[in-house]
Amino acid sequence: MIKKIKIYLKNAYTELVNKVSWPTWKDLQSSALLVMLASLIFAIVVFAMDIALENIMKFIYNIKNL
């Protein structure tokens, strides 16, 4: 059992070192910046929807109470 685990780990390490193409530091930075920007835009859209729905619900409740 332990021998199989050692073989698996050795093969996994070999594949990570030789077969995986890792991004460059510049590619990684630009991807991270893109993810942060997309997250910020998404957060702003959700915030705007929350405020809009809150105001719509307040308007509906005010009409109901008249």
N, C-alpha and C. Protein backbone atom coordinates (compact mmCIF):
# COMPACT_ATOMS: atom_id res chain seq x y z
N MET A 1 0.83 -1.20 0.00
CA MET A 1 0.00 0.00 0.00
C MET A 1 0.87 1.26 0.00
N ILE A 2 1.86 1.31 0.87
CA ILE A 2 2.75 2.47 0.95
C ILE A 2 3.55 2.62 -0.34
N LYS A 3 3.91 1.49 -0.94
CA LYS A 3 4.66 1.53 -2.20
C LYS A 3 3.82 2.17 -3.31
N LYS A 4 2.54 1.86 -3.34
CA LYS A 4 1.64 2.45 -4.34
C LYS A 4 1.51 3.96 -4.14
N ILE A 5 1.45 4.37 -2.90
CA ILE A 5 1.36 5.81 -2.60
C ILE A 5 2.63 6.52 -3.04
N LYS A 6 3.79 5.91 -2.76
CA LYS A 6 5.07 6.51 -3.19
C LYS A 6 5.14 6.63 -4.70
N ILE A 7 4.69 5.59 -5.41
CA ILE A 7 4.70 5.62 -6.88
C ILE A 7 3.77 6.72 -7.38
N TYR A 8 2.59 6.80 -6.78
CA TYR A 8 1.64 7.84 -7.17
C TYR A 8 2.23 9.23 -6.97
N LEU A 9 2.80 9.48 -5.81
CA LEU A 9 3.38 10.80 -5.52
C LEU A 9 4.54 11.12 -6.47
N LYS A 10 5.36 10.13 -6.76
CA LYS A 10 6.47 10.34 -7.69
C LYS A 10 5.95 10.69 -9.07
N ASN A 11 4.94 9.96 -9.55
CA ASN A 11 4.36 10.25 -10.86
C ASN A 11 3.68 11.62 -10.89
N ALA A 12 3.01 11.97 -9.82
CA ALA A 12 2.35 13.27 -9.76
C ALA A 12 3.38 14.40 -9.80
N TYR A 13 4.47 14.24 -9.05
CA TYR A 13 5.53 15.25 -9.04
C TYR A 13 6.16 15.38 -10.43
N THR A 14 6.44 14.25 -11.05
CA THR A 14 7.04 14.26 -12.39
C THR A 14 6.14 14.98 -13.38
N GLU A 15 4.85 14.71 -13.29
CA GLU A 15 3.91 15.36 -14.21
C GLU A 15 3.84 16.86 -13.95
N LEU A 16 3.83 17.26 -12.68
CA LEU A 16 3.79 18.69 -12.35
C LEU A 16 5.02 19.43 -12.84
N VAL A 17 6.17 18.78 -12.77
CA VAL A 17 7.42 19.43 -13.17
C VAL A 17 7.59 19.44 -14.69
N ASN A 18 7.28 18.33 -15.35
CA ASN A 18 7.62 18.19 -16.76
C ASN A 18 6.47 18.46 -17.73
N LYS A 19 5.24 18.17 -17.34
CA LYS A 19 4.14 18.23 -18.30
C LYS A 19 3.23 19.43 -18.14
N VAL A 20 3.21 20.03 -16.98
CA VAL A 20 2.32 21.17 -16.74
C VAL A 20 3.01 22.44 -17.20
N SER A 21 2.28 23.26 -17.95
CA SER A 21 2.84 24.55 -18.35
C SER A 21 2.34 25.61 -17.37
N TRP A 22 3.24 26.13 -16.59
CA TRP A 22 2.90 27.11 -15.57
C TRP A 22 2.91 28.50 -16.19
N PRO A 23 1.99 29.37 -15.78
CA PRO A 23 1.98 30.73 -16.33
C PRO A 23 3.18 31.53 -15.83
N THR A 24 3.56 32.53 -16.63
CA THR A 24 4.64 33.41 -16.19
C THR A 24 4.09 34.35 -15.11
N TRP A 25 5.00 35.02 -14.42
CA TRP A 25 4.59 35.93 -13.36
C TRP A 25 3.73 37.06 -13.94
N LYS A 26 4.08 37.55 -15.12
CA LYS A 26 3.31 38.63 -15.75
C LYS A 26 1.90 38.14 -16.13
N ASP A 27 1.80 36.93 -16.67
CA ASP A 27 0.49 36.37 -16.99
C ASP A 27 -0.36 36.19 -15.73
N LEU A 28 0.27 35.74 -14.67
CA LEU A 28 -0.42 35.53 -13.41
C LEU A 28 -0.94 36.86 -12.84
N GLN A 29 -0.13 37.91 -12.93
CA GLN A 29 -0.55 39.22 -12.44
C GLN A 29 -1.72 39.76 -13.25
N SER A 30 -1.66 39.62 -14.57
CA SER A 30 -2.74 40.16 -15.39
C SER A 30 -4.03 39.36 -15.17
N SER A 31 -3.91 38.07 -14.97
CA SER A 31 -5.10 37.26 -14.68
C SER A 31 -5.70 37.64 -13.33
N ALA A 32 -4.86 37.85 -12.35
CA ALA A 32 -5.34 38.24 -11.02
C ALA A 32 -6.03 39.61 -11.09
N LEU A 33 -5.46 40.53 -11.84
CA LEU A 33 -6.06 41.85 -12.00
C LEU A 33 -7.42 41.74 -12.68
N LEU A 34 -7.51 40.90 -13.69
CA LEU A 34 -8.78 40.69 -14.38
C LEU A 34 -9.84 40.11 -13.45
N VAL A 35 -9.46 39.16 -12.61
CA VAL A 35 -10.40 38.56 -11.66
C VAL A 35 -10.85 39.60 -10.64
N MET A 36 -9.92 40.42 -10.15
CA MET A 36 -10.30 41.46 -9.19
C MET A 36 -11.25 42.47 -9.82
N LEU A 37 -10.98 42.87 -11.04
CA LEU A 37 -11.84 43.83 -11.73
C LEU A 37 -13.23 43.23 -11.97
N ALA A 38 -13.30 42.00 -12.42
CA ALA A 38 -14.59 41.34 -12.64
C ALA A 38 -15.36 41.20 -11.33
N SER A 39 -14.66 40.88 -10.25
CA SER A 39 -15.31 40.76 -8.94
C SER A 39 -15.86 42.10 -8.48
N LEU A 40 -15.11 43.16 -8.70
CA LEU A 40 -15.57 44.50 -8.32
C LEU A 40 -16.81 44.90 -9.12
N ILE A 41 -16.79 44.65 -10.42
CA ILE A 41 -17.95 44.97 -11.25
C ILE A 41 -19.16 44.16 -10.80
N PHE A 42 -18.97 42.88 -10.53
CA PHE A 42 -20.06 42.03 -10.06
C PHE A 42 -20.62 42.55 -8.74
N ALA A 43 -19.75 42.94 -7.82
CA ALA A 43 -20.18 43.46 -6.52
C ALA A 43 -20.98 44.75 -6.70
N ILE A 44 -20.55 45.61 -7.60
CA ILE A 44 -21.27 46.87 -7.84
C ILE A 44 -22.66 46.59 -8.43
N VAL A 45 -22.74 45.64 -9.35
CA VAL A 45 -24.04 45.29 -9.95
C VAL A 45 -24.98 44.72 -8.88
N VAL A 46 -24.47 43.82 -8.04
CA VAL A 46 -25.30 43.24 -6.98
C VAL A 46 -25.74 44.32 -6.01
N PHE A 47 -24.85 45.24 -5.66
CA PHE A 47 -25.20 46.34 -4.76
C PHE A 47 -26.29 47.22 -5.37
N ALA A 48 -26.17 47.54 -6.65
CA ALA A 48 -27.17 48.37 -7.32
C ALA A 48 -28.52 47.65 -7.36
N MET A 49 -28.50 46.35 -7.63
CA MET A 49 -29.75 45.58 -7.64
C MET A 49 -30.38 45.55 -6.25
N ASP A 50 -29.58 45.43 -5.23
CA ASP A 50 -30.07 45.40 -3.85
C ASP A 50 -30.74 46.73 -3.50
N ILE A 51 -30.09 47.83 -3.82
CA ILE A 51 -30.66 49.15 -3.53
C ILE A 51 -31.95 49.35 -4.32
N ALA A 52 -31.95 48.97 -5.59
CA ALA A 52 -33.14 49.14 -6.43
C ALA A 52 -34.30 48.31 -5.89
N LEU A 53 -34.05 47.06 -5.56
CA LEU A 53 -35.13 46.21 -5.04
C LEU A 53 -35.62 46.69 -3.68
N GLU A 54 -34.72 47.21 -2.86
CA GLU A 54 -35.13 47.77 -1.57
C GLU A 54 -36.07 48.94 -1.77
N ASN A 55 -35.73 49.82 -2.70
CA ASN A 55 -36.59 50.97 -2.96
C ASN A 55 -37.92 50.57 -3.58
N ILE A 56 -37.91 49.57 -4.45
CA ILE A 56 -39.16 49.08 -5.04
C ILE A 56 -40.06 48.49 -3.96
N MET A 57 -39.48 47.72 -3.06
CA MET A 57 -40.28 47.12 -1.98
C MET A 57 -40.83 48.18 -1.04
N LYS A 58 -40.04 49.20 -0.72
CA LYS A 58 -40.53 50.29 0.12
C LYS A 58 -41.69 51.01 -0.56
N PHE A 59 -41.58 51.22 -1.85
CA PHE A 59 -42.65 51.87 -2.61
C PHE A 59 -43.93 51.03 -2.57
N ILE A 60 -43.79 49.72 -2.78
CA ILE A 60 -44.95 48.82 -2.75
C ILE A 60 -45.58 48.81 -1.36
N TYR A 61 -44.78 48.75 -0.31
CA TYR A 61 -45.32 48.73 1.05
C TYR A 61 -46.02 50.04 1.37
N ASN A 62 -45.47 51.16 0.89
CA ASN A 62 -46.11 52.46 1.13
C ASN A 62 -47.46 52.55 0.43
N ILE A 63 -47.56 52.02 -0.77
CA ILE A 63 -48.84 52.02 -1.49
C ILE A 63 -49.84 51.14 -0.75
N LYS A 64 -49.38 50.01 -0.26
CA LYS A 64 -50.26 49.06 0.45
C LYS A 64 -50.82 49.69 1.74
N ASN A 65 -50.01 50.50 2.42
CA ASN A 65 -50.43 51.10 3.68
C ASN A 65 -51.33 52.32 3.50
N LEU A 66 -51.47 52.83 2.30
CA LEU A 66 -52.34 54.00 2.08
C LEU A 66 -53.76 53.62 2.13
